[in-house]
Protein backbone atom coordinates (compact mmCIF):
# COMPACT_ATOMS: atom_id res chain seq x y z
CA MET A 1 79.84 92.34 116.82
CA LYS A 2 78.16 95.77 116.74
CA PHE A 3 77.08 96.86 113.28
CA PRO A 4 78.21 100.38 112.26
CA ASP A 5 75.83 103.33 111.91
CA ILE A 6 76.17 103.88 108.17
CA ASP A 7 74.08 107.07 108.22
CA ARG A 8 76.97 108.75 110.04
CA PHE A 9 79.68 107.65 107.63
CA LYS A 10 81.73 110.25 105.79
CA MET A 11 85.06 110.44 103.97
CA ASN A 12 87.75 109.12 106.31
CA ASP A 13 90.94 107.64 104.91
CA GLN A 14 91.80 106.10 108.30
CA TYR A 15 88.57 104.12 108.68
CA PHE A 16 88.40 100.35 108.40
CA GLU A 17 86.65 97.71 110.46
CA GLU A 18 85.39 94.17 110.38
CA ILE A 19 81.59 94.56 110.13
CA ILE A 20 80.77 90.84 109.95
CA SER A 21 83.12 87.93 110.53
CA GLY A 22 85.52 87.88 107.60
CA ILE A 23 83.96 90.97 105.94
CA TRP A 24 85.95 94.20 106.19
CA LEU A 25 84.75 97.67 105.24
CA MET A 26 86.94 100.72 104.62
CA ASP A 27 86.87 104.08 102.88
CA ASP A 28 90.37 104.37 101.37
CA HIS A 29 91.09 101.20 99.42
CA ARG A 30 94.73 101.02 100.52
CA TRP A 31 93.68 99.42 103.82
CA ALA A 32 92.71 96.28 101.92
CA TYR A 33 96.37 95.28 101.75
CA TYR A 34 96.86 95.62 105.51
CA ILE A 35 93.68 93.63 106.14
CA TRP A 36 94.83 90.81 103.85
CA GLU A 37 98.13 90.62 105.71
CA LYS A 38 96.47 90.88 109.12
CA VAL A 39 93.82 88.23 108.50
CA LEU A 40 96.04 85.82 106.57
CA TRP A 41 99.27 86.31 108.52
CA ASP A 42 99.03 83.01 110.38
CA ILE A 43 97.80 80.96 107.41
CA ARG A 44 99.77 82.59 104.59
CA ASN A 45 101.69 79.36 104.02
CA THR A 46 98.39 77.88 102.79
CA GLY A 47 98.66 80.38 99.91
CA PRO A 48 99.62 82.06 97.72
CA PHE A 49 96.13 83.42 97.23
CA ALA A 50 94.11 84.40 94.19
CA LEU A 51 92.79 87.95 94.36
CA ILE A 52 89.49 88.90 92.76
CA HIS A 53 89.43 92.68 92.27
CA LEU A 54 86.12 94.24 91.22
CA ASP A 55 86.22 98.01 90.88
CA CYS A 56 85.98 100.98 88.57
CA HIS A 57 89.79 101.32 88.73
CA TRP A 58 92.52 98.75 88.05
CA ASP A 59 94.60 99.92 91.03
CA GLY A 60 97.61 98.37 89.33
CA VAL A 61 100.26 100.96 90.26
CA ASN A 62 103.50 99.69 91.83
CA ASP A 63 104.86 102.45 94.08
CA PHE A 64 107.85 100.27 94.98
CA HIS A 65 109.13 100.35 91.41
CA GLY A 66 112.68 101.66 91.16
CA ASP A 67 113.28 101.53 94.92
CA PRO A 68 115.14 98.28 95.71
CA LEU A 69 115.78 99.31 99.32
CA ALA A 70 112.05 99.76 99.94
CA VAL A 71 111.37 96.39 98.30
CA LYS A 72 114.03 94.73 100.47
CA LYS A 73 112.51 96.25 103.60
CA LEU A 74 109.04 95.10 102.56
CA LEU A 75 110.23 91.56 101.93
CA GLU A 76 112.03 91.38 105.26
CA THR A 77 109.05 92.61 107.27
CA GLN A 78 108.09 90.11 109.96
CA ASP A 79 105.79 92.30 112.04
CA ILE A 80 102.18 93.13 111.14
CA ASP A 81 102.57 96.46 112.92
CA ASP A 82 105.22 97.42 110.37
CA ILE A 83 102.76 96.64 107.58
CA TYR A 84 100.21 98.82 109.34
CA SER A 85 102.70 101.67 109.51
CA LEU A 86 103.45 101.44 105.78
CA VAL A 87 99.77 101.61 104.93
CA GLU A 88 98.88 104.27 107.47
CA LYS A 89 101.70 106.53 106.24
CA LYS A 90 101.04 105.71 102.55
CA MET A 91 104.63 104.54 102.10
CA GLY A 92 104.34 102.57 98.87
CA VAL A 93 100.75 101.60 99.59
CA GLN A 94 98.06 103.97 98.37
CA LYS A 95 94.52 103.66 97.08
CA ASP A 96 95.73 102.74 93.59
CA SER A 97 98.82 100.72 94.59
CA PHE A 98 97.72 98.27 97.29
CA ILE A 99 97.77 95.15 95.10
CA ALA A 100 101.47 95.31 94.14
CA PRO A 101 102.88 94.84 97.68
CA ALA A 102 100.78 91.71 98.13
CA ILE A 103 102.39 90.31 95.00
CA ILE A 104 105.90 91.40 96.00
CA ARG A 105 105.54 89.56 99.33
CA GLY A 106 104.12 86.46 97.66
CA LEU A 107 100.76 86.70 99.40
CA VAL A 108 99.02 86.88 96.00
CA ASP A 109 100.24 85.34 92.75
CA GLU A 110 97.03 85.38 90.72
CA VAL A 111 94.75 88.37 90.11
CA HIS A 112 91.35 88.39 88.43
CA PHE A 113 90.23 91.85 87.33
CA PHE A 114 86.76 93.07 86.46
CA CYS A 115 87.16 96.84 86.09
CA LYS A 116 85.72 99.64 83.95
CA GLN A 117 88.67 102.05 83.75
CA THR A 118 89.71 102.77 80.14
CA CYS A 119 92.09 105.76 80.39
CA ILE A 120 95.07 103.54 81.26
CA GLY A 121 96.21 100.05 80.32
CA PRO A 122 94.50 97.15 82.07
CA GLY A 123 95.72 95.43 85.19
CA LEU A 124 99.30 95.21 86.39
CA TYR A 125 102.49 95.77 84.37
CA PRO A 126 103.34 92.40 82.72
CA PRO A 127 107.13 92.55 83.45
CA PHE A 128 106.29 93.13 87.13
CA LEU A 129 104.10 90.04 87.15
CA LYS A 130 106.79 87.99 85.41
CA GLU A 131 109.41 89.14 87.92
CA HIS A 132 107.28 87.83 90.80
CA ASN A 133 105.97 84.67 89.10
CA ALA A 134 102.43 86.00 89.17
CA ARG A 135 99.73 86.12 86.54
CA GLN A 136 96.60 88.11 85.83
CA PHE A 137 93.30 87.56 84.07
CA ILE A 138 91.26 90.43 82.64
CA HIS A 139 87.55 89.60 82.56
CA ASP A 140 85.21 91.54 80.27
CA ASN A 141 82.15 90.24 82.06
CA MET A 142 81.26 88.55 85.32
CA LYS A 143 80.17 85.30 83.69
CA SER A 144 83.74 84.83 82.54
CA LEU A 145 85.05 85.41 86.06
CA ILE A 146 82.61 83.27 88.01
CA SER A 147 83.01 80.38 85.58
CA PHE A 148 86.80 80.42 85.91
CA GLN A 149 88.10 77.48 87.92
CA ILE A 150 90.28 79.02 90.64
CA SER A 151 92.25 76.28 92.36
CA LYS A 152 93.64 78.25 95.31
CA PRO A 153 92.24 80.16 98.29
CA ILE A 154 90.56 83.44 97.34
CA ILE A 155 90.66 87.04 98.50
CA PHE A 156 87.53 88.89 97.35
CA ASP A 157 87.95 92.64 96.96
CA ILE A 158 85.39 95.18 95.73
CA GLY A 159 85.27 98.95 95.38
CA PHE A 160 81.87 100.66 95.31
CA GLY A 161 83.08 103.03 92.60
CA LEU A 162 82.28 100.16 90.25
CA PHE A 163 78.58 100.96 90.68
CA ASN A 164 78.92 104.62 89.71
CA LYS A 165 78.75 105.49 85.99
CA ALA A 166 79.61 109.18 86.49
CA ASP A 167 83.13 110.30 85.58
CA MET A 168 83.31 113.38 87.81
CA TRP A 169 84.46 113.41 91.44
CA ASP A 170 81.61 113.45 93.97
CA GLU A 171 78.94 113.03 91.29
CA GLY A 172 76.68 110.03 91.11
CA ASP A 173 75.04 108.10 88.31
CA LEU A 174 74.51 104.80 90.07
CA TRP A 175 73.45 101.45 88.80
CA SER A 176 69.90 100.61 89.82
CA ASP A 177 69.46 98.81 93.13
CA HIS A 178 68.24 95.79 91.20
CA GLU A 179 71.37 95.73 89.04
CA ILE A 180 73.61 95.99 92.10
CA VAL A 181 71.85 93.23 94.01
CA GLU A 182 71.90 90.98 90.93
CA PHE A 183 75.63 91.63 90.56
CA LEU A 184 76.24 90.72 94.20
CA ARG A 185 74.09 87.64 93.78
CA MET A 186 76.38 86.52 90.96
CA CYS A 187 79.28 86.86 93.40
CA SER A 188 77.59 85.00 96.25
CA ASP A 189 79.38 81.67 95.92
CA ILE A 190 82.77 83.36 95.60
CA ILE A 191 82.10 85.62 98.58
CA GLN A 192 81.07 82.70 100.77
CA SER A 193 84.12 80.65 99.81
CA SER A 194 86.66 83.48 100.19
CA SER A 195 89.23 83.57 102.97
CA VAL A 196 88.60 87.29 103.46
CA VAL A 197 86.37 89.95 101.87
CA THR A 198 87.42 93.61 101.62
CA ALA A 199 85.06 96.35 100.45
CA ALA A 200 86.02 99.98 99.83
CA MET A 201 83.30 102.63 100.02
CA SER A 202 85.58 105.09 98.18
CA PHE A 203 83.82 108.34 99.05
CA GLY A 204 84.05 110.72 96.10
CA TYR A 205 84.57 107.97 93.53
CA SER A 206 81.28 106.27 94.35
CA GLY A 207 79.11 109.36 93.87
CA THR A 208 77.88 111.87 96.39
CA ALA A 209 78.21 111.14 100.10
CA ASP A 210 74.57 110.04 100.13
CA ASP A 211 75.21 107.79 97.14
CA THR A 212 78.13 106.15 98.93
CA ARG A 213 76.11 105.58 102.09
CA HIS A 214 73.31 104.10 99.95
CA LEU A 215 75.71 101.71 98.22
CA THR A 216 77.17 100.73 101.59
CA LYS A 217 73.72 99.94 102.95
CA LEU A 218 72.89 97.83 99.89
CA PHE A 219 76.14 95.89 100.18
CA THR A 220 76.02 95.32 103.93
CA SER A 221 72.34 94.34 103.83
CA TYR A 222 73.05 91.77 101.14
CA ILE A 223 76.07 90.43 102.99
CA LYS A 224 74.14 90.11 106.26
CA ASP A 225 71.41 88.13 104.48
CA LEU A 226 74.09 85.96 102.88
CA GLN A 227 75.48 85.04 106.30
CA VAL A 228 72.14 83.78 107.61
């Protein structure tokens, strides 16, 4: 598998690829949902899965809310190409609403959040979770998350905006490299045991373009070492 030239990366909401076996990189976070469906399509009856979502943003919007026909169509989908089309055209699946369809389709019924966003309520809407027999856990720190005994297969999802302390678009105030690597080290066991790993570069949210490329290099370098 040829490793991508990260120095040439730029904002591209159509980009996603598997960079290492089981590790998928994208820019726009909405592609995570398609990747989960694509990778787990043949083994989904081993689920439902537990999703670990680490990001600056909760991404808990449900764009299917109030549209029963769209929900019915989503539930009846039996073709991965139809899922691709939904995501590609942003039809109910956008960068802040890619978790909800996985819950609607029963792919995920447990979500663990570690997020920094404070301007809106945490996680997913509780009545939505109740409707789909799903549950969520909001973790204030990573020790709480990694010590939690998850008894089902895991999807590990991370957005690099988590590592940017700046509030403004395309501005960067990044964690130190040491802090980032230590954070990833805390996640190592979960990453290695996950059924699939999705990582969103999130150009604009993760600092300047150079900041985002730097974060991507840190992440991919750590992941490559983890695979050895």
